[in-house]
């Protein structure tokens, strides 16, 4: 491990050149340095087109789900009203210093 710290630049160069570099501690292999291979280019958008099927009702609200979470029907705007009505906390650091 100490030798790897001392000669890290050289080890990185050797790994980049294709050498198999294994760093060990007390004779036990711990890590392997490997060169990063360049990507094959930009990813192609739409690679899964036609392979993933979304049900027609995937975005329809489920009243049974609302009932299980909220105990009944819930208006979409009620959660916003609750969040807006909460008082703000004042930080201790906002007090004036003498």
N, C-alpha and C. Protein backbone atom coordinates (compact mmCIF):
# COMPACT_ATOMS: atom_id res chain seq x y z
N UNK A 1 0.83 -1.18 0.00
CA UNK A 1 0.00 0.00 0.00
C UNK A 1 0.88 1.26 0.00
N UNK A 2 1.90 1.25 0.82
CA UNK A 2 2.80 2.41 0.90
C UNK A 2 3.48 2.65 -0.45
N UNK A 3 3.91 1.57 -1.09
CA UNK A 3 4.57 1.69 -2.39
C UNK A 3 3.61 2.27 -3.43
N UNK A 4 2.34 1.87 -3.35
CA UNK A 4 1.35 2.39 -4.30
C UNK A 4 1.15 3.89 -4.10
N UNK A 5 1.13 4.34 -2.85
CA UNK A 5 1.00 5.78 -2.59
C UNK A 5 2.20 6.54 -3.16
N UNK A 6 3.37 5.98 -2.97
CA UNK A 6 4.59 6.64 -3.41
C UNK A 6 4.69 6.72 -4.93
N UNK A 7 4.22 5.69 -5.62
CA UNK A 7 4.39 5.60 -7.07
C UNK A 7 3.05 5.63 -7.82
N UNK A 8 2.08 6.33 -7.28
CA UNK A 8 0.74 6.32 -7.88
C UNK A 8 0.74 6.81 -9.33
N UNK A 9 1.44 7.87 -9.62
CA UNK A 9 1.46 8.40 -11.00
C UNK A 9 1.97 7.36 -11.98
N UNK A 10 3.04 6.68 -11.61
CA UNK A 10 3.61 5.65 -12.49
C UNK A 10 2.63 4.49 -12.65
N UNK A 11 1.99 4.08 -11.57
CA UNK A 11 1.04 2.97 -11.64
C UNK A 11 -0.17 3.31 -12.51
N UNK A 12 -0.62 4.56 -12.42
CA UNK A 12 -1.74 4.99 -13.26
C UNK A 12 -1.34 4.96 -14.73
N UNK A 13 -0.16 5.42 -15.06
CA UNK A 13 0.32 5.38 -16.44
C UNK A 13 0.40 3.96 -16.95
N UNK A 14 0.90 3.04 -16.11
CA UNK A 14 1.01 1.64 -16.52
C UNK A 14 -0.37 1.03 -16.73
N UNK A 15 -1.33 1.35 -15.85
CA UNK A 15 -2.68 0.83 -16.01
C UNK A 15 -3.32 1.37 -17.28
N UNK A 16 -3.08 2.66 -17.57
CA UNK A 16 -3.61 3.26 -18.79
C UNK A 16 -3.03 2.61 -20.04
N UNK A 17 -1.80 2.10 -19.93
CA UNK A 17 -1.15 1.44 -21.05
C UNK A 17 -1.59 -0.02 -21.20
N UNK A 18 -2.45 -0.50 -20.28
CA UNK A 18 -2.96 -1.87 -20.40
C UNK A 18 -2.42 -2.85 -19.38
N UNK A 19 -1.50 -2.40 -18.51
CA UNK A 19 -0.96 -3.29 -17.47
C UNK A 19 -2.04 -3.64 -16.46
N UNK A 20 -1.95 -4.82 -15.89
CA UNK A 20 -2.85 -5.24 -14.83
C UNK A 20 -2.19 -4.90 -13.50
N UNK A 21 -2.71 -3.88 -12.81
CA UNK A 21 -2.13 -3.40 -11.56
C UNK A 21 -3.04 -3.79 -10.40
N UNK A 22 -2.51 -4.57 -9.46
CA UNK A 22 -3.26 -4.97 -8.27
C UNK A 22 -2.55 -4.38 -7.05
N UNK A 23 -3.30 -3.68 -6.21
CA UNK A 23 -2.74 -3.10 -4.99
C UNK A 23 -3.16 -3.98 -3.82
N UNK A 24 -2.17 -4.34 -3.00
CA UNK A 24 -2.42 -5.26 -1.89
C UNK A 24 -2.01 -4.62 -0.57
N UNK A 25 -2.60 -5.12 0.49
CA UNK A 25 -2.21 -4.71 1.85
C UNK A 25 -1.92 -6.00 2.62
N UNK A 26 -0.73 -6.06 3.22
CA UNK A 26 -0.30 -7.23 3.98
C UNK A 26 -0.40 -8.51 3.14
N UNK A 27 -0.08 -8.38 1.85
CA UNK A 27 -0.06 -9.55 0.98
C UNK A 27 -1.43 -9.96 0.44
N UNK A 28 -2.50 -9.27 0.85
CA UNK A 28 -3.85 -9.60 0.37
C UNK A 28 -4.26 -8.57 -0.68
N UNK A 29 -4.63 -9.02 -1.89
CA UNK A 29 -5.07 -8.10 -2.93
C UNK A 29 -6.32 -7.34 -2.50
N UNK A 30 -6.31 -6.01 -2.69
CA UNK A 30 -7.45 -5.17 -2.31
C UNK A 30 -8.17 -4.58 -3.52
N UNK A 31 -7.42 -3.95 -4.41
CA UNK A 31 -8.03 -3.28 -5.55
C UNK A 31 -7.22 -3.52 -6.81
N UNK A 32 -7.88 -3.29 -7.95
CA UNK A 32 -7.21 -3.42 -9.23
C UNK A 32 -7.37 -2.10 -9.98
N UNK A 33 -6.28 -1.56 -10.49
CA UNK A 33 -6.33 -0.36 -11.33
C UNK A 33 -6.54 -0.80 -12.77
N UNK A 34 -7.56 -0.22 -13.39
CA UNK A 34 -7.82 -0.52 -14.80
C UNK A 34 -8.05 0.78 -15.55
N UNK A 35 -7.72 0.79 -16.80
CA UNK A 35 -7.93 1.97 -17.64
C UNK A 35 -9.41 2.11 -17.95
N UNK A 36 -9.88 3.34 -18.03
CA UNK A 36 -11.26 3.60 -18.41
C UNK A 36 -11.33 3.57 -19.93
N UNK A 37 -12.25 2.78 -20.43
CA UNK A 37 -12.41 2.70 -21.88
C UNK A 37 -13.34 3.81 -22.35
N UNK A 38 -13.02 4.45 -23.44
CA UNK A 38 -13.88 5.52 -23.94
C UNK A 38 -15.24 4.96 -24.34
N UNK A 39 -16.28 5.77 -24.19
CA UNK A 39 -17.62 5.32 -24.55
C UNK A 39 -17.72 5.18 -26.06
N UNK A 40 -18.73 4.45 -26.49
CA UNK A 40 -18.90 4.18 -27.91
C UNK A 40 -19.58 5.34 -28.64
N UNK A 41 -19.80 6.43 -27.95
CA UNK A 41 -20.46 7.58 -28.55
C UNK A 41 -21.70 7.93 -27.76
N UNK A 42 -22.45 8.91 -28.23
CA UNK A 42 -23.64 9.32 -27.50
C UNK A 42 -24.70 8.21 -27.52
N UNK A 43 -25.47 8.17 -26.42
CA UNK A 43 -26.53 7.17 -26.35
C UNK A 43 -27.64 7.54 -27.34
N UNK A 44 -28.27 6.52 -27.87
CA UNK A 44 -29.34 6.73 -28.83
C UNK A 44 -30.66 6.89 -28.09
N UNK A 45 -31.35 7.99 -28.34
CA UNK A 45 -32.65 8.20 -27.73
C UNK A 45 -33.68 7.28 -28.38
N UNK A 46 -34.60 6.83 -27.56
CA UNK A 46 -35.68 5.98 -28.07
C UNK A 46 -35.29 4.54 -28.24
N UNK A 47 -34.26 4.08 -27.55
CA UNK A 47 -33.80 2.71 -27.72
C UNK A 47 -34.84 1.69 -27.27
N UNK A 48 -35.73 2.09 -26.34
CA UNK A 48 -36.77 1.17 -25.86
C UNK A 48 -38.12 1.42 -26.51
N UNK A 49 -38.17 2.23 -27.55
CA UNK A 49 -39.44 2.53 -28.22
C UNK A 49 -40.09 1.24 -28.71
N UNK A 50 -41.34 1.06 -28.34
CA UNK A 50 -42.09 -0.13 -28.76
C UNK A 50 -41.85 -1.35 -27.89
N UNK A 51 -40.92 -1.27 -26.95
CA UNK A 51 -40.61 -2.41 -26.09
C UNK A 51 -41.25 -2.29 -24.71
N UNK A 52 -41.63 -1.07 -24.33
CA UNK A 52 -42.24 -0.83 -23.03
C UNK A 52 -43.70 -0.46 -23.27
N UNK A 53 -44.60 -1.16 -22.59
CA UNK A 53 -46.02 -0.91 -22.77
C UNK A 53 -46.58 -0.28 -21.50
N UNK A 54 -47.25 0.87 -21.66
CA UNK A 54 -47.88 1.57 -20.54
C UNK A 54 -49.38 1.37 -20.66
N UNK A 55 -50.03 0.89 -19.58
CA UNK A 55 -51.47 0.71 -19.66
C UNK A 55 -52.17 2.05 -19.90
N UNK A 56 -53.34 2.01 -20.55
CA UNK A 56 -54.07 3.23 -20.86
C UNK A 56 -54.49 3.99 -19.61
N UNK A 57 -54.70 3.30 -18.50
CA UNK A 57 -55.17 3.95 -17.28
C UNK A 57 -54.05 4.18 -16.26
N UNK A 58 -52.80 4.24 -16.71
CA UNK A 58 -51.67 4.36 -15.78
C UNK A 58 -51.71 5.66 -15.00
N UNK A 59 -52.24 6.74 -15.56
CA UNK A 59 -52.23 8.05 -14.91
C UNK A 59 -53.60 8.45 -14.37
N UNK A 60 -54.54 7.51 -14.34
CA UNK A 60 -55.87 7.80 -13.79
C UNK A 60 -55.82 7.62 -12.28
N UNK A 61 -56.36 8.58 -11.53
CA UNK A 61 -56.35 8.50 -10.06
C UNK A 61 -57.16 7.30 -9.60
N UNK A 62 -56.65 6.58 -8.64
CA UNK A 62 -57.31 5.40 -8.07
C UNK A 62 -57.97 5.80 -6.75
N UNK A 63 -59.30 5.86 -6.68
CA UNK A 63 -59.97 6.29 -5.44
C UNK A 63 -59.68 5.35 -4.27
N UNK A 64 -59.50 4.07 -4.54
CA UNK A 64 -59.19 3.14 -3.45
C UNK A 64 -57.83 3.43 -2.86
N UNK A 65 -56.88 3.84 -3.68
CA UNK A 65 -55.54 4.18 -3.20
C UNK A 65 -55.60 5.43 -2.32
N UNK A 66 -56.35 6.44 -2.75
CA UNK A 66 -56.52 7.64 -1.93
C UNK A 66 -57.14 7.28 -0.59
N UNK A 67 -58.13 6.41 -0.61
CA UNK A 67 -58.80 6.04 0.63
C UNK A 67 -57.85 5.32 1.58
N UNK A 68 -56.98 4.49 1.05
CA UNK A 68 -56.06 3.76 1.93
C UNK A 68 -55.00 4.67 2.54
N UNK A 69 -54.58 5.72 1.81
CA UNK A 69 -53.58 6.64 2.35
C UNK A 69 -54.18 7.74 3.21
N UNK A 70 -55.31 8.28 2.75
CA UNK A 70 -55.85 9.48 3.38
C UNK A 70 -57.16 9.25 4.13
N UNK A 71 -57.70 8.05 4.09
CA UNK A 71 -58.94 7.77 4.79
C UNK A 71 -60.16 8.25 4.04
N UNK A 72 -60.07 8.48 2.77
CA UNK A 72 -61.21 8.92 1.98
C UNK A 72 -60.77 9.73 0.78
N UNK A 73 -61.75 10.33 0.12
CA UNK A 73 -61.47 11.15 -1.06
C UNK A 73 -60.70 12.41 -0.64
N UNK A 74 -59.75 12.82 -1.44
CA UNK A 74 -58.93 13.99 -1.14
C UNK A 74 -58.88 14.88 -2.36
N UNK A 75 -59.06 16.19 -2.17
CA UNK A 75 -58.91 17.13 -3.27
C UNK A 75 -57.43 17.29 -3.58
N UNK A 76 -57.05 17.41 -4.84
CA UNK A 76 -55.64 17.58 -5.18
C UNK A 76 -55.00 18.82 -4.57
N UNK A 77 -55.79 19.88 -4.31
CA UNK A 77 -55.21 21.12 -3.81
C UNK A 77 -55.12 21.17 -2.29
N UNK A 78 -55.73 20.22 -1.57
CA UNK A 78 -55.73 20.31 -0.11
C UNK A 78 -54.34 20.14 0.48
N UNK A 79 -53.51 19.30 -0.12
CA UNK A 79 -52.15 19.12 0.39
C UNK A 79 -51.35 20.40 0.25
N UNK A 80 -51.57 21.14 -0.83
CA UNK A 80 -50.88 22.41 -1.03
C UNK A 80 -51.31 23.42 0.03
N UNK A 81 -52.61 23.47 0.32
CA UNK A 81 -53.10 24.41 1.32
C UNK A 81 -52.51 24.11 2.69
N UNK A 82 -52.37 22.83 3.05
CA UNK A 82 -51.81 22.45 4.34
C UNK A 82 -50.35 22.90 4.42
N UNK A 83 -49.58 22.66 3.36
CA UNK A 83 -48.16 23.02 3.35
C UNK A 83 -47.98 24.53 3.44
N UNK A 84 -48.84 25.30 2.79
CA UNK A 84 -48.71 26.75 2.81
C UNK A 84 -49.10 27.36 4.15
N UNK A 85 -49.96 26.67 4.92
CA UNK A 85 -50.45 27.24 6.17
C UNK A 85 -49.52 26.99 7.35
N UNK A 86 -48.47 26.22 7.17
CA UNK A 86 -47.55 25.94 8.28
C UNK A 86 -46.71 27.17 8.60
N UNK A 87 -46.54 27.49 9.90
CA UNK A 87 -45.71 28.64 10.27
C UNK A 87 -44.23 28.36 10.01
N UNK A 88 -43.48 29.39 9.69
CA UNK A 88 -42.05 29.26 9.46
C UNK A 88 -41.31 29.27 10.77
N UNK A 89 -40.22 28.51 10.85
CA UNK A 89 -39.38 28.49 12.04
C UNK A 89 -38.31 29.56 11.90
N UNK A 90 -38.00 30.24 13.01
CA UNK A 90 -36.95 31.26 13.00
C UNK A 90 -35.68 30.63 13.53
N UNK A 91 -34.60 30.79 12.79
CA UNK A 91 -33.31 30.21 13.19
C UNK A 91 -32.73 31.01 14.33
N UNK A 92 -32.00 30.32 15.21
CA UNK A 92 -31.33 30.97 16.33
C UNK A 92 -30.26 31.94 15.83
N UNK A 93 -29.66 31.66 14.68
CA UNK A 93 -28.60 32.51 14.14
C UNK A 93 -29.15 33.83 13.60
N UNK A 94 -30.48 33.93 13.46
CA UNK A 94 -31.09 35.15 12.94
C UNK A 94 -31.23 36.22 14.01
N UNK A 95 -31.01 35.88 15.27
CA UNK A 95 -31.09 36.85 16.35
C UNK A 95 -29.96 37.87 16.24
N UNK A 96 -30.21 39.07 16.74
CA UNK A 96 -29.17 40.10 16.70
C UNK A 96 -28.08 39.81 17.72
N UNK A 97 -26.86 40.02 17.30
CA UNK A 97 -25.72 39.82 18.20
C UNK A 97 -25.31 41.16 18.78
N UNK A 98 -24.94 41.17 20.07
CA UNK A 98 -24.51 42.40 20.73
C UNK A 98 -23.03 42.60 20.62
